[in-house]
């Protein structure tokens, strides 16, 4: 059972992961592959609002997505976007990336190969990956202006949509750990973590929400 304290701590970590950027017109939309088709739906929504003329979906498969997205995350994302009204001609697919860094690097290379001049990127991820995606893109694609966005929802709404509260909190904790350790490894720029958020993270680790931590 998840205690009220752990739930409160998880909400605090969730809030830190959100960048609170306002979606605005950009050169291109890049949707980062994952288990969550909501990323494809949000990306399609931004495209249909006219926020960019090109949409890139990037992602291979992972142990989490292999069964539900056997053709690859980016391919399933494209299929969902087309179902929602995005023309196939507007979508580029990057099917090899297996982590956030590769998502960024391979999308950049794909756009260059396609002759798309990307001066700004509307980067779409799961809500709790907004800050990680932003920090990674700023390190690996520093020449472009990055707007980090996701489906607008509360922590409670997201947890309900996944249907596994413990897994969601594990993912929040894992994402924050990466914000703490990856800058020193050159994977992303440093993002300050407020003391109260760091304390909430430590309490969640102590409570056993450790399945998504890197060892």
N, C-alpha and C. Protein backbone atom coordinates (compact mmCIF):
# COMPACT_ATOMS: atom_id res chain seq x y z
N UNK A 1 0.84 -1.20 0.00
CA UNK A 1 0.00 0.00 0.00
C UNK A 1 0.87 1.25 0.00
N UNK A 2 0.49 2.23 -0.78
CA UNK A 2 1.24 3.48 -0.86
C UNK A 2 0.70 4.43 0.21
N UNK A 3 1.59 4.89 1.07
CA UNK A 3 1.18 5.76 2.18
C UNK A 3 0.87 7.16 1.68
N UNK A 4 0.07 7.93 2.43
CA UNK A 4 -0.18 9.33 2.06
C UNK A 4 1.11 10.13 1.92
N UNK A 5 2.11 9.84 2.76
CA UNK A 5 3.38 10.58 2.67
C UNK A 5 4.08 10.29 1.35
N UNK A 6 4.12 9.01 0.95
CA UNK A 6 4.76 8.66 -0.32
C UNK A 6 4.01 9.29 -1.49
N UNK A 7 2.69 9.28 -1.41
CA UNK A 7 1.90 9.89 -2.49
C UNK A 7 2.19 11.38 -2.59
N UNK A 8 2.28 12.06 -1.45
CA UNK A 8 2.60 13.48 -1.44
C UNK A 8 4.01 13.73 -1.98
N UNK A 9 4.96 12.89 -1.59
CA UNK A 9 6.32 13.02 -2.11
C UNK A 9 6.36 12.80 -3.62
N UNK A 10 5.61 11.82 -4.09
CA UNK A 10 5.59 11.54 -5.53
C UNK A 10 5.01 12.73 -6.30
N UNK A 11 3.98 13.35 -5.77
CA UNK A 11 3.41 14.52 -6.43
C UNK A 11 4.44 15.65 -6.51
N UNK A 12 5.24 15.80 -5.47
CA UNK A 12 6.27 16.84 -5.45
C UNK A 12 7.32 16.57 -6.53
N UNK A 13 7.72 15.31 -6.66
CA UNK A 13 8.69 14.95 -7.70
C UNK A 13 8.08 15.15 -9.08
N UNK A 14 6.83 14.74 -9.25
CA UNK A 14 6.11 14.94 -10.51
C UNK A 14 6.13 16.41 -10.92
N UNK A 15 5.79 17.29 -9.97
CA UNK A 15 5.74 18.72 -10.27
C UNK A 15 7.10 19.24 -10.73
N UNK A 16 8.17 18.72 -10.15
CA UNK A 16 9.51 19.17 -10.55
C UNK A 16 9.83 18.74 -11.98
N UNK A 17 9.36 17.59 -12.39
CA UNK A 17 9.66 17.10 -13.73
C UNK A 17 9.00 17.95 -14.82
N UNK A 18 7.93 18.65 -14.50
CA UNK A 18 7.23 19.48 -15.49
C UNK A 18 8.00 20.78 -15.72
N UNK A 19 8.19 21.14 -16.99
CA UNK A 19 8.91 22.36 -17.33
C UNK A 19 8.00 23.59 -17.40
N UNK A 20 6.71 23.36 -17.59
CA UNK A 20 5.73 24.45 -17.68
C UNK A 20 6.01 25.39 -18.86
N UNK A 21 6.57 24.83 -19.93
CA UNK A 21 6.72 25.61 -21.15
C UNK A 21 5.37 25.75 -21.84
N UNK A 22 5.17 26.86 -22.52
CA UNK A 22 3.97 27.06 -23.33
C UNK A 22 4.25 26.59 -24.74
N UNK A 23 3.46 25.63 -25.22
CA UNK A 23 3.65 25.15 -26.60
C UNK A 23 3.44 26.30 -27.57
N UNK A 24 4.36 26.44 -28.51
CA UNK A 24 4.30 27.53 -29.49
C UNK A 24 4.85 27.03 -30.81
N UNK A 25 4.65 27.78 -31.89
CA UNK A 25 5.15 27.33 -33.20
C UNK A 25 6.66 27.10 -33.20
N UNK A 26 7.07 25.97 -33.78
CA UNK A 26 8.48 25.60 -33.89
C UNK A 26 8.74 25.06 -35.29
N UNK A 27 10.01 24.85 -35.60
CA UNK A 27 10.38 24.30 -36.91
C UNK A 27 9.88 22.88 -37.08
N UNK A 28 9.89 22.11 -35.98
CA UNK A 28 9.57 20.69 -36.05
C UNK A 28 9.07 20.22 -34.69
N UNK A 29 8.23 19.20 -34.71
CA UNK A 29 7.81 18.51 -33.50
C UNK A 29 8.55 17.18 -33.45
N UNK A 30 9.12 16.85 -32.30
CA UNK A 30 9.78 15.55 -32.11
C UNK A 30 9.10 14.83 -30.96
N UNK A 31 8.48 13.69 -31.25
CA UNK A 31 7.83 12.87 -30.23
C UNK A 31 8.73 11.73 -29.81
N UNK A 32 9.05 11.66 -28.53
CA UNK A 32 9.99 10.67 -28.02
C UNK A 32 9.27 9.35 -27.70
N UNK A 33 9.76 8.27 -28.29
CA UNK A 33 9.15 6.96 -28.13
C UNK A 33 9.15 6.48 -26.69
N UNK A 34 8.10 5.71 -26.35
CA UNK A 34 7.97 5.12 -25.02
C UNK A 34 6.80 4.16 -25.06
N UNK A 35 6.39 3.69 -23.88
CA UNK A 35 5.21 2.82 -23.79
C UNK A 35 3.91 3.60 -23.94
N UNK A 36 3.98 4.93 -23.91
CA UNK A 36 2.80 5.78 -23.76
C UNK A 36 2.37 6.37 -25.11
N UNK A 37 1.27 5.86 -25.67
CA UNK A 37 0.74 6.41 -26.93
C UNK A 37 0.24 7.83 -26.75
N UNK A 38 0.07 8.27 -25.51
CA UNK A 38 -0.31 9.66 -25.28
C UNK A 38 0.69 10.64 -25.86
N UNK A 39 1.96 10.23 -25.96
CA UNK A 39 2.97 11.10 -26.58
C UNK A 39 2.64 11.31 -28.05
N UNK A 40 2.25 10.24 -28.74
CA UNK A 40 1.86 10.36 -30.14
C UNK A 40 0.62 11.23 -30.28
N UNK A 41 -0.32 11.06 -29.38
CA UNK A 41 -1.57 11.83 -29.45
C UNK A 41 -1.31 13.31 -29.19
N UNK A 42 -0.47 13.61 -28.22
CA UNK A 42 -0.13 15.01 -27.95
C UNK A 42 0.62 15.62 -29.13
N UNK A 43 1.57 14.87 -29.70
CA UNK A 43 2.32 15.36 -30.85
C UNK A 43 1.40 15.65 -32.02
N UNK A 44 0.46 14.72 -32.27
CA UNK A 44 -0.50 14.93 -33.35
C UNK A 44 -1.35 16.16 -33.09
N UNK A 45 -1.76 16.35 -31.84
CA UNK A 45 -2.55 17.53 -31.50
C UNK A 45 -1.81 18.82 -31.77
N UNK A 46 -0.53 18.86 -31.43
CA UNK A 46 0.28 20.05 -31.69
C UNK A 46 0.40 20.28 -33.20
N UNK A 47 0.60 19.22 -33.96
CA UNK A 47 0.68 19.36 -35.41
C UNK A 47 -0.63 19.90 -35.98
N UNK A 48 -1.73 19.34 -35.55
CA UNK A 48 -3.04 19.74 -36.09
C UNK A 48 -3.40 21.16 -35.67
N UNK A 49 -2.78 21.67 -34.62
CA UNK A 49 -2.95 23.08 -34.24
C UNK A 49 -2.08 24.00 -35.08
N UNK A 50 -1.25 23.42 -35.94
CA UNK A 50 -0.40 24.22 -36.81
C UNK A 50 0.88 24.69 -36.17
N UNK A 51 1.36 23.99 -35.14
CA UNK A 51 2.56 24.45 -34.44
C UNK A 51 3.86 24.06 -35.12
N UNK A 52 3.82 23.18 -36.12
CA UNK A 52 5.01 22.82 -36.89
C UNK A 52 4.57 22.09 -38.15
N UNK A 53 5.36 22.20 -39.23
CA UNK A 53 5.00 21.54 -40.49
C UNK A 53 5.51 20.11 -40.60
N UNK A 54 6.41 19.71 -39.68
CA UNK A 54 7.03 18.39 -39.75
C UNK A 54 6.95 17.75 -38.37
N UNK A 55 6.69 16.44 -38.36
CA UNK A 55 6.59 15.69 -37.11
C UNK A 55 7.55 14.49 -37.20
N UNK A 56 8.44 14.39 -36.24
CA UNK A 56 9.36 13.24 -36.16
C UNK A 56 8.96 12.36 -34.98
N UNK A 57 8.83 11.07 -35.22
CA UNK A 57 8.69 10.10 -34.13
C UNK A 57 9.94 9.26 -34.07
N UNK A 58 10.46 9.09 -32.86
CA UNK A 58 11.73 8.41 -32.68
C UNK A 58 11.61 7.35 -31.60
N UNK A 59 12.10 6.14 -31.89
CA UNK A 59 12.10 5.09 -30.88
C UNK A 59 12.05 3.70 -31.48
N UNK A 60 12.85 2.81 -30.94
CA UNK A 60 12.86 1.41 -31.32
C UNK A 60 11.89 0.67 -30.40
N UNK A 61 12.37 -0.36 -29.75
CA UNK A 61 11.57 -1.06 -28.75
C UNK A 61 12.40 -1.25 -27.49
N UNK A 62 11.74 -1.60 -26.42
CA UNK A 62 12.39 -1.88 -25.14
C UNK A 62 11.65 -3.05 -24.51
N UNK A 63 12.17 -3.59 -23.41
CA UNK A 63 11.43 -4.66 -22.74
C UNK A 63 10.01 -4.25 -22.37
N UNK A 64 9.80 -2.94 -22.13
CA UNK A 64 8.47 -2.46 -21.76
C UNK A 64 7.53 -2.39 -22.96
N UNK A 65 8.08 -2.16 -24.15
CA UNK A 65 7.22 -1.90 -25.32
C UNK A 65 7.22 -3.01 -26.36
N UNK A 66 8.08 -4.00 -26.19
CA UNK A 66 8.26 -5.01 -27.23
C UNK A 66 6.96 -5.74 -27.57
N UNK A 67 6.17 -6.06 -26.56
CA UNK A 67 4.94 -6.81 -26.81
C UNK A 67 3.82 -5.92 -27.35
N UNK A 68 3.69 -4.72 -26.76
CA UNK A 68 2.56 -3.88 -27.16
C UNK A 68 2.86 -3.05 -28.41
N UNK A 69 4.14 -2.88 -28.76
CA UNK A 69 4.51 -2.12 -29.97
C UNK A 69 5.53 -2.92 -30.76
N UNK A 70 5.14 -4.08 -31.30
CA UNK A 70 6.12 -4.97 -31.94
C UNK A 70 6.78 -4.39 -33.17
N UNK A 71 6.16 -3.42 -33.83
CA UNK A 71 6.76 -2.80 -35.02
C UNK A 71 7.66 -1.63 -34.66
N UNK A 72 7.79 -1.36 -33.38
CA UNK A 72 8.64 -0.27 -32.92
C UNK A 72 7.82 0.93 -32.48
N UNK A 73 8.32 1.63 -31.48
CA UNK A 73 7.58 2.75 -30.90
C UNK A 73 7.28 3.83 -31.93
N UNK A 74 8.28 4.22 -32.72
CA UNK A 74 8.08 5.29 -33.69
C UNK A 74 7.03 4.92 -34.73
N UNK A 75 7.04 3.67 -35.16
CA UNK A 75 6.09 3.22 -36.18
C UNK A 75 4.67 3.24 -35.61
N UNK A 76 4.51 2.74 -34.40
CA UNK A 76 3.18 2.76 -33.78
C UNK A 76 2.73 4.19 -33.52
N UNK A 77 3.64 5.06 -33.14
CA UNK A 77 3.30 6.47 -32.96
C UNK A 77 2.80 7.08 -34.27
N UNK A 78 3.51 6.81 -35.35
CA UNK A 78 3.08 7.34 -36.66
C UNK A 78 1.69 6.85 -37.00
N UNK A 79 1.44 5.57 -36.80
CA UNK A 79 0.13 5.01 -37.12
C UNK A 79 -0.97 5.71 -36.32
N UNK A 80 -0.71 5.97 -35.04
CA UNK A 80 -1.70 6.65 -34.22
C UNK A 80 -1.91 8.09 -34.69
N UNK A 81 -0.84 8.78 -35.03
CA UNK A 81 -0.96 10.16 -35.50
C UNK A 81 -1.76 10.24 -36.80
N UNK A 82 -1.52 9.29 -37.70
CA UNK A 82 -2.26 9.27 -38.97
C UNK A 82 -3.74 9.00 -38.69
N UNK A 83 -4.04 8.10 -37.76
CA UNK A 83 -5.43 7.86 -37.36
C UNK A 83 -6.10 9.15 -36.90
N UNK A 84 -5.34 10.02 -36.28
CA UNK A 84 -5.88 11.26 -35.73
C UNK A 84 -5.94 12.39 -36.75
N UNK A 85 -5.47 12.13 -37.97
CA UNK A 85 -5.60 13.12 -39.03
C UNK A 85 -4.33 13.76 -39.53
N UNK A 86 -3.17 13.34 -39.02
CA UNK A 86 -1.90 13.87 -39.51
C UNK A 86 -1.57 13.19 -40.84
N UNK A 87 -1.27 13.94 -41.90
CA UNK A 87 -0.92 13.30 -43.17
C UNK A 87 0.39 12.53 -43.07
N UNK A 88 0.43 11.36 -43.69
CA UNK A 88 1.65 10.55 -43.64
C UNK A 88 2.86 11.31 -44.16
N UNK A 89 2.63 12.19 -45.13
CA UNK A 89 3.75 12.93 -45.74
C UNK A 89 4.41 13.89 -44.77
N UNK A 90 3.74 14.20 -43.67
CA UNK A 90 4.30 15.15 -42.70
C UNK A 90 5.12 14.47 -41.61
N UNK A 91 5.14 13.12 -41.62
CA UNK A 91 5.76 12.37 -40.53
C UNK A 91 7.05 11.70 -40.98
N UNK A 92 8.11 11.93 -40.22
CA UNK A 92 9.37 11.21 -40.40
C UNK A 92 9.52 10.23 -39.25
N UNK A 93 10.04 9.05 -39.55
CA UNK A 93 10.18 8.00 -38.53
C UNK A 93 11.65 7.67 -38.33
N UNK A 94 12.07 7.72 -37.08
CA UNK A 94 13.43 7.33 -36.69
C UNK A 94 13.28 6.07 -35.85
N UNK A 95 13.61 4.87 -36.37
CA UNK A 95 13.25 3.63 -35.69
C UNK A 95 14.34 2.95 -34.88
N UNK A 96 15.48 3.63 -34.63
CA UNK A 96 16.62 2.94 -34.01
C UNK A 96 16.87 3.31 -32.56
N UNK A 97 16.43 4.49 -32.12
CA UNK A 97 16.82 5.02 -30.81
C UNK A 97 16.32 4.16 -29.67
N UNK A 98 17.20 3.91 -28.69
CA UNK A 98 16.84 3.09 -27.53
C UNK A 98 16.96 3.84 -26.21
N UNK A 99 17.30 5.11 -26.25
CA UNK A 99 17.33 5.94 -25.05
C UNK A 99 17.15 7.39 -25.46
N UNK A 100 17.02 8.27 -24.47
CA UNK A 100 16.71 9.67 -24.77
C UNK A 100 17.83 10.34 -25.57
N UNK A 101 19.08 10.03 -25.23
CA UNK A 101 20.19 10.61 -25.98
C UNK A 101 20.14 10.23 -27.45
N UNK A 102 19.87 8.95 -27.72
CA UNK A 102 19.77 8.51 -29.12
C UNK A 102 18.54 9.12 -29.79
N UNK A 103 17.44 9.27 -29.05
CA UNK A 103 16.28 9.96 -29.61
C UNK A 103 16.69 11.32 -30.18
N UNK A 104 17.46 12.06 -29.41
CA UNK A 104 17.85 13.40 -29.83
C UNK A 104 18.86 13.34 -30.97
N UNK A 105 19.91 12.57 -30.81
CA UNK A 105 20.96 12.54 -31.82
C UNK A 105 20.46 12.00 -33.16
N UNK A 106 19.68 10.93 -33.11
CA UNK A 106 19.21 10.32 -34.36
C UNK A 106 18.14 11.19 -35.03
N UNK A 107 17.31 11.87 -34.26
CA UNK A 107 16.32 12.79 -34.85
C UNK A 107 17.02 13.96 -35.53
N UNK A 108 18.04 14.49 -34.89
CA UNK A 108 18.82 15.58 -35.48
C UNK A 108 19.41 15.14 -36.81
N UNK A 109 20.01 13.95 -36.85
CA UNK A 109 20.62 13.45 -38.08
C UNK A 109 19.57 13.20 -39.15
N UNK A 110 18.41 12.68 -38.77
CA UNK A 110 17.34 12.42 -39.74
C UNK A 110 16.85 13.72 -40.37
N UNK A 111 16.68 14.74 -39.58
CA UNK A 111 16.21 16.02 -40.11
C UNK A 111 17.25 16.64 -41.04
N UNK A 112 18.51 16.53 -40.67
CA UNK A 112 19.57 17.05 -41.54
C UNK A 112 19.57 16.31 -42.87
N UNK A 113 19.41 14.99 -42.81
CA UNK A 113 19.38 14.19 -44.03
C UNK A 113 18.18 14.54 -44.91
N UNK A 114 17.06 14.89 -44.27
CA UNK A 114 15.85 15.25 -45.01
C UNK A 114 15.87 16.70 -45.47
N UNK A 115 16.89 17.46 -45.10
CA UNK A 115 16.99 18.85 -45.52
C UNK A 115 16.09 19.79 -44.77
N UNK A 116 15.67 19.38 -43.55
CA UNK A 116 14.81 20.23 -42.73
C UNK A 116 15.67 21.10 -41.83
N UNK A 117 15.50 22.41 -41.94
CA UNK A 117 16.26 23.34 -41.12
C UNK A 117 15.54 23.52 -39.79
N UNK A 118 16.05 22.90 -38.75
CA UNK A 118 15.41 22.94 -37.44
C UNK A 118 16.07 24.01 -36.58
N UNK A 119 15.42 25.14 -36.47
CA UNK A 119 15.91 26.19 -35.58
C UNK A 119 15.28 26.10 -34.20
N UNK A 120 14.12 25.47 -34.14
CA UNK A 120 13.42 25.28 -32.86
C UNK A 120 12.71 23.94 -32.89
N UNK A 121 12.58 23.32 -31.73
CA UNK A 121 11.99 21.99 -31.63
C UNK A 121 10.96 21.97 -30.51
N UNK A 122 9.76 21.53 -30.84
CA UNK A 122 8.74 21.25 -29.84
C UNK A 122 8.92 19.78 -29.46
N UNK A 123 9.52 19.55 -28.31
CA UNK A 123 9.93 18.21 -27.88
C UNK A 123 8.84 17.62 -26.99
N UNK A 124 8.23 16.53 -27.44
CA UNK A 124 7.07 15.97 -26.74
C UNK A 124 7.46 14.65 -26.09
N UNK A 125 7.16 14.53 -24.81
CA UNK A 125 7.51 13.34 -24.04
C UNK A 125 6.38 13.02 -23.07
N UNK A 126 6.57 11.99 -22.26
CA UNK A 126 5.67 11.75 -21.15
C UNK A 126 5.81 12.92 -20.17
N UNK A 127 4.76 13.25 -19.40
CA UNK A 127 4.87 14.42 -18.52
C UNK A 127 6.07 14.38 -17.57
N UNK A 128 6.33 13.22 -16.98
CA UNK A 128 7.42 13.16 -16.01
C UNK A 128 8.80 13.09 -16.67
N UNK A 129 8.84 13.12 -18.01
CA UNK A 129 10.12 13.14 -18.72
C UNK A 129 10.40 14.51 -19.34
N UNK A 130 9.55 15.50 -19.09
CA UNK A 130 9.76 16.81 -19.71
C UNK A 130 11.14 17.39 -19.39
N UNK A 131 11.49 17.40 -18.13
CA UNK A 131 12.77 18.03 -17.73
C UNK A 131 13.96 17.22 -18.24
N UNK A 132 13.86 15.90 -18.14
CA UNK A 132 14.96 15.06 -18.63
C UNK A 132 15.14 15.25 -20.14
N UNK A 133 14.04 15.28 -20.88
CA UNK A 133 14.13 15.47 -22.33
C UNK A 133 14.75 16.82 -22.66
N UNK A 134 14.31 17.85 -21.95
CA UNK A 134 14.85 19.19 -22.18
C UNK A 134 16.35 19.24 -21.89
N UNK A 135 16.74 18.71 -20.73
CA UNK A 135 18.15 18.76 -20.33
C UNK A 135 19.03 17.98 -21.30
N UNK A 136 18.52 16.86 -21.82
CA UNK A 136 19.28 16.06 -22.78
C UNK A 136 19.42 16.79 -24.10
N UNK A 137 18.33 17.38 -24.57
CA UNK A 137 18.38 18.10 -25.85
C UNK A 137 19.28 19.33 -25.77
N UNK A 138 19.27 20.01 -24.64
CA UNK A 138 20.14 21.19 -24.51
C UNK A 138 21.61 20.79 -24.55
N UNK A 139 21.93 19.61 -24.08
CA UNK A 139 23.31 19.13 -24.15
C UNK A 139 23.69 18.68 -25.55
N UNK A 140 22.81 17.93 -26.20
CA UNK A 140 23.16 17.27 -27.46
C UNK A 140 22.75 18.05 -28.70
N UNK A 141 21.88 19.04 -28.54
CA UNK A 141 21.39 19.82 -29.69
C UNK A 141 21.33 21.29 -29.29
N UNK A 142 22.48 21.84 -28.88
CA UNK A 142 22.47 23.18 -28.26
C UNK A 142 22.12 24.31 -29.21
N UNK A 143 22.21 24.07 -30.51
CA UNK A 143 21.97 25.16 -31.46
C UNK A 143 20.49 25.48 -31.64
N UNK A 144 19.59 24.61 -31.19
CA UNK A 144 18.17 24.85 -31.41
C UNK A 144 17.49 25.30 -30.11
N UNK A 145 16.40 26.02 -30.30
CA UNK A 145 15.56 26.44 -29.18
C UNK A 145 14.62 25.28 -28.84
N UNK A 146 14.62 24.84 -27.59
CA UNK A 146 13.83 23.68 -27.18
C UNK A 146 12.62 24.11 -26.36
N UNK A 147 11.45 23.66 -26.79
CA UNK A 147 10.23 23.81 -26.01
C UNK A 147 9.81 22.40 -25.60
N UNK A 148 9.75 22.13 -24.30
CA UNK A 148 9.45 20.80 -23.80
C UNK A 148 7.98 20.73 -23.39
N UNK A 149 7.26 19.73 -23.92
CA UNK A 149 5.82 19.67 -23.70
C UNK A 149 5.36 18.22 -23.56
N UNK A 150 4.12 18.06 -23.12
CA UNK A 150 3.52 16.74 -22.96
C UNK A 150 2.01 16.91 -22.91
N UNK A 151 1.32 15.79 -22.72
CA UNK A 151 -0.14 15.86 -22.53
C UNK A 151 -0.42 16.56 -21.20
N UNK A 152 -1.28 17.56 -21.19
CA UNK A 152 -1.57 18.26 -19.93
C UNK A 152 -2.44 17.40 -19.02
N UNK A 153 -1.88 16.96 -17.92
CA UNK A 153 -2.65 16.17 -16.95
C UNK A 153 -2.00 16.25 -15.59
N UNK A 154 -2.79 15.98 -14.56
CA UNK A 154 -2.27 15.97 -13.20
C UNK A 154 -1.58 14.64 -12.91
N UNK A 155 -0.85 14.61 -11.81
CA UNK A 155 -0.22 13.37 -11.37
C UNK A 155 -1.27 12.28 -11.17
N UNK A 156 -2.38 12.64 -10.53
CA UNK A 156 -3.42 11.66 -10.27
C UNK A 156 -4.02 11.14 -11.59
N UNK A 157 -4.23 12.01 -12.54
CA UNK A 157 -4.78 11.59 -13.83
C UNK A 157 -3.82 10.66 -14.56
N UNK A 158 -2.53 10.98 -14.50
CA UNK A 158 -1.56 10.13 -15.19
C UNK A 158 -1.48 8.75 -14.53
N UNK A 159 -1.43 8.73 -13.21
CA UNK A 159 -1.36 7.45 -12.51
C UNK A 159 -2.59 6.61 -12.83
N UNK A 160 -3.75 7.24 -12.90
CA UNK A 160 -4.97 6.50 -13.22
C UNK A 160 -4.93 5.96 -14.64
N UNK A 161 -4.33 6.74 -15.56
CA UNK A 161 -4.27 6.30 -16.96
C UNK A 161 -3.35 5.10 -17.13
N UNK A 162 -2.31 5.01 -16.31
CA UNK A 162 -1.38 3.88 -16.38
C UNK A 162 -1.96 2.66 -15.66
N UNK A 163 -2.63 2.91 -14.53
CA UNK A 163 -3.26 1.83 -13.81
C UNK A 163 -2.36 1.06 -12.87
N UNK A 164 -1.17 1.60 -12.61
CA UNK A 164 -0.22 0.95 -11.70
C UNK A 164 0.52 2.05 -10.94
N UNK A 165 -0.02 2.43 -9.78
CA UNK A 165 0.55 3.56 -9.04
C UNK A 165 2.00 3.33 -8.66
N UNK A 166 2.32 2.13 -8.23
CA UNK A 166 3.70 1.85 -7.80
C UNK A 166 4.67 1.99 -8.98
N UNK A 167 4.29 1.49 -10.15
CA UNK A 167 5.16 1.62 -11.30
C UNK A 167 5.37 3.08 -11.67
N UNK A 168 4.31 3.88 -11.59
CA UNK A 168 4.44 5.30 -11.91
C UNK A 168 5.42 5.98 -10.96
N UNK A 169 5.31 5.70 -9.67
CA UNK A 169 6.23 6.32 -8.71
C UNK A 169 7.65 5.84 -8.94
N UNK A 170 7.82 4.55 -9.24
CA UNK A 170 9.15 4.05 -9.61
C UNK A 170 9.73 4.85 -10.77
N UNK A 171 8.90 5.13 -11.77
CA UNK A 171 9.39 5.86 -12.94
C UNK A 171 9.75 7.30 -12.59
N UNK A 172 8.95 7.93 -11.74
CA UNK A 172 9.26 9.29 -11.30
C UNK A 172 10.61 9.33 -10.59
N UNK A 173 10.83 8.35 -9.71
CA UNK A 173 12.08 8.30 -8.95
C UNK A 173 13.26 8.04 -9.88
N UNK A 174 13.10 7.11 -10.83
CA UNK A 174 14.18 6.83 -11.77
C UNK A 174 14.52 8.03 -12.63
N UNK A 175 13.50 8.76 -13.06
CA UNK A 175 13.76 9.95 -13.88
C UNK A 175 14.51 11.01 -13.09
N UNK A 176 14.19 11.16 -11.81
CA UNK A 176 14.89 12.17 -11.01
C UNK A 176 16.33 11.74 -10.74
N UNK A 177 16.56 10.46 -10.51
CA UNK A 177 17.94 10.01 -10.31
C UNK A 177 18.80 10.37 -11.52
N UNK A 178 18.24 10.22 -12.70
CA UNK A 178 19.01 10.53 -13.91
C UNK A 178 19.31 12.02 -14.00
N UNK A 179 18.39 12.87 -13.55
CA UNK A 179 18.69 14.30 -13.50
C UNK A 179 19.85 14.59 -12.57
N UNK A 180 20.00 13.77 -11.54
CA UNK A 180 21.07 13.99 -10.57
C UNK A 180 22.42 13.48 -11.04
N UNK A 181 22.46 12.35 -11.76
CA UNK A 181 23.74 11.71 -12.06
C UNK A 181 24.19 11.88 -13.52
N UNK A 182 23.27 12.09 -14.45
CA UNK A 182 23.66 12.12 -15.86
C UNK A 182 24.46 13.36 -16.27
N UNK A 183 24.26 14.54 -15.67
CA UNK A 183 25.07 15.68 -16.10
C UNK A 183 26.57 15.42 -15.98
N UNK A 184 27.00 14.77 -14.91
CA UNK A 184 28.43 14.48 -14.72
C UNK A 184 28.95 13.53 -15.77
N UNK A 185 28.06 12.75 -16.40
CA UNK A 185 28.46 11.81 -17.43
C UNK A 185 28.35 12.42 -18.84
N UNK A 186 27.96 13.68 -18.91
CA UNK A 186 27.88 14.37 -20.20
C UNK A 186 26.62 14.09 -20.99
N UNK A 187 25.61 13.48 -20.34
CA UNK A 187 24.40 13.10 -21.07
C UNK A 187 23.39 14.23 -21.13
N UNK A 188 23.45 15.19 -20.22
CA UNK A 188 22.49 16.29 -20.18
C UNK A 188 23.07 17.46 -19.43
N UNK A 189 22.45 18.62 -19.58
CA UNK A 189 22.87 19.77 -18.79
C UNK A 189 22.35 19.61 -17.36
N UNK A 190 22.98 20.30 -16.44
CA UNK A 190 22.56 20.20 -15.05
C UNK A 190 21.28 20.99 -14.83
N UNK A 191 20.37 20.41 -14.07
CA UNK A 191 19.12 21.07 -13.69
C UNK A 191 19.04 21.07 -12.16
N UNK A 192 19.08 22.25 -11.55
CA UNK A 192 19.04 22.29 -10.08
C UNK A 192 17.80 21.58 -9.53
N UNK A 193 17.99 20.83 -8.47
CA UNK A 193 16.89 20.13 -7.81
C UNK A 193 16.67 20.78 -6.45
N UNK A 194 15.51 21.40 -6.22
CA UNK A 194 15.27 22.04 -4.92
C UNK A 194 15.40 21.05 -3.77
N UNK A 195 15.78 21.56 -2.60
CA UNK A 195 16.01 20.70 -1.44
C UNK A 195 14.79 19.87 -1.09
N UNK A 196 13.60 20.47 -1.17
CA UNK A 196 12.40 19.72 -0.78
C UNK A 196 12.10 18.59 -1.77
N UNK A 197 12.47 18.78 -3.03
CA UNK A 197 12.28 17.73 -4.03
C UNK A 197 13.30 16.61 -3.80
N UNK A 198 14.55 16.99 -3.53
CA UNK A 198 15.58 15.99 -3.24
C UNK A 198 15.21 15.18 -2.01
N UNK A 199 14.65 15.85 -1.00
CA UNK A 199 14.26 15.13 0.22
C UNK A 199 13.11 14.17 -0.06
N UNK A 200 12.16 14.59 -0.89
CA UNK A 200 11.04 13.71 -1.26
C UNK A 200 11.57 12.49 -2.02
N UNK A 201 12.51 12.72 -2.91
CA UNK A 201 13.14 11.63 -3.66
C UNK A 201 13.81 10.63 -2.72
N UNK A 202 14.56 11.13 -1.76
CA UNK A 202 15.26 10.24 -0.82
C UNK A 202 14.26 9.42 0.00
N UNK A 203 13.17 10.05 0.40
CA UNK A 203 12.17 9.30 1.17
C UNK A 203 11.54 8.20 0.32
N UNK A 204 11.29 8.51 -0.96
CA UNK A 204 10.70 7.50 -1.84
C UNK A 204 11.66 6.34 -2.07
N UNK A 205 12.94 6.64 -2.23
CA UNK A 205 13.94 5.57 -2.36
C UNK A 205 13.94 4.72 -1.09
N UNK A 206 13.91 5.39 0.07
CA UNK A 206 13.89 4.66 1.33
C UNK A 206 12.64 3.82 1.51
N UNK A 207 11.55 4.24 0.86
CA UNK A 207 10.29 3.50 0.95
C UNK A 207 10.22 2.35 -0.05
N UNK A 208 11.28 2.20 -0.85
CA UNK A 208 11.35 1.04 -1.74
C UNK A 208 10.97 1.26 -3.18
N UNK A 209 10.82 2.53 -3.59
CA UNK A 209 10.48 2.80 -4.99
C UNK A 209 11.77 2.89 -5.81
N UNK A 210 12.35 1.73 -6.05
CA UNK A 210 13.70 1.67 -6.59
C UNK A 210 13.83 0.87 -7.88
N UNK A 211 12.72 0.39 -8.42
CA UNK A 211 12.82 -0.53 -9.57
C UNK A 211 13.35 0.15 -10.83
N UNK A 212 13.28 1.45 -10.94
CA UNK A 212 13.78 2.13 -12.14
C UNK A 212 15.10 2.86 -11.89
N UNK A 213 15.72 2.60 -10.76
CA UNK A 213 17.02 3.23 -10.49
C UNK A 213 18.11 2.52 -11.27
N UNK A 214 19.10 3.30 -11.71
CA UNK A 214 20.30 2.71 -12.30
C UNK A 214 21.28 2.41 -11.17
N UNK A 215 21.95 1.30 -11.27
CA UNK A 215 22.82 0.85 -10.18
C UNK A 215 24.24 1.35 -10.37
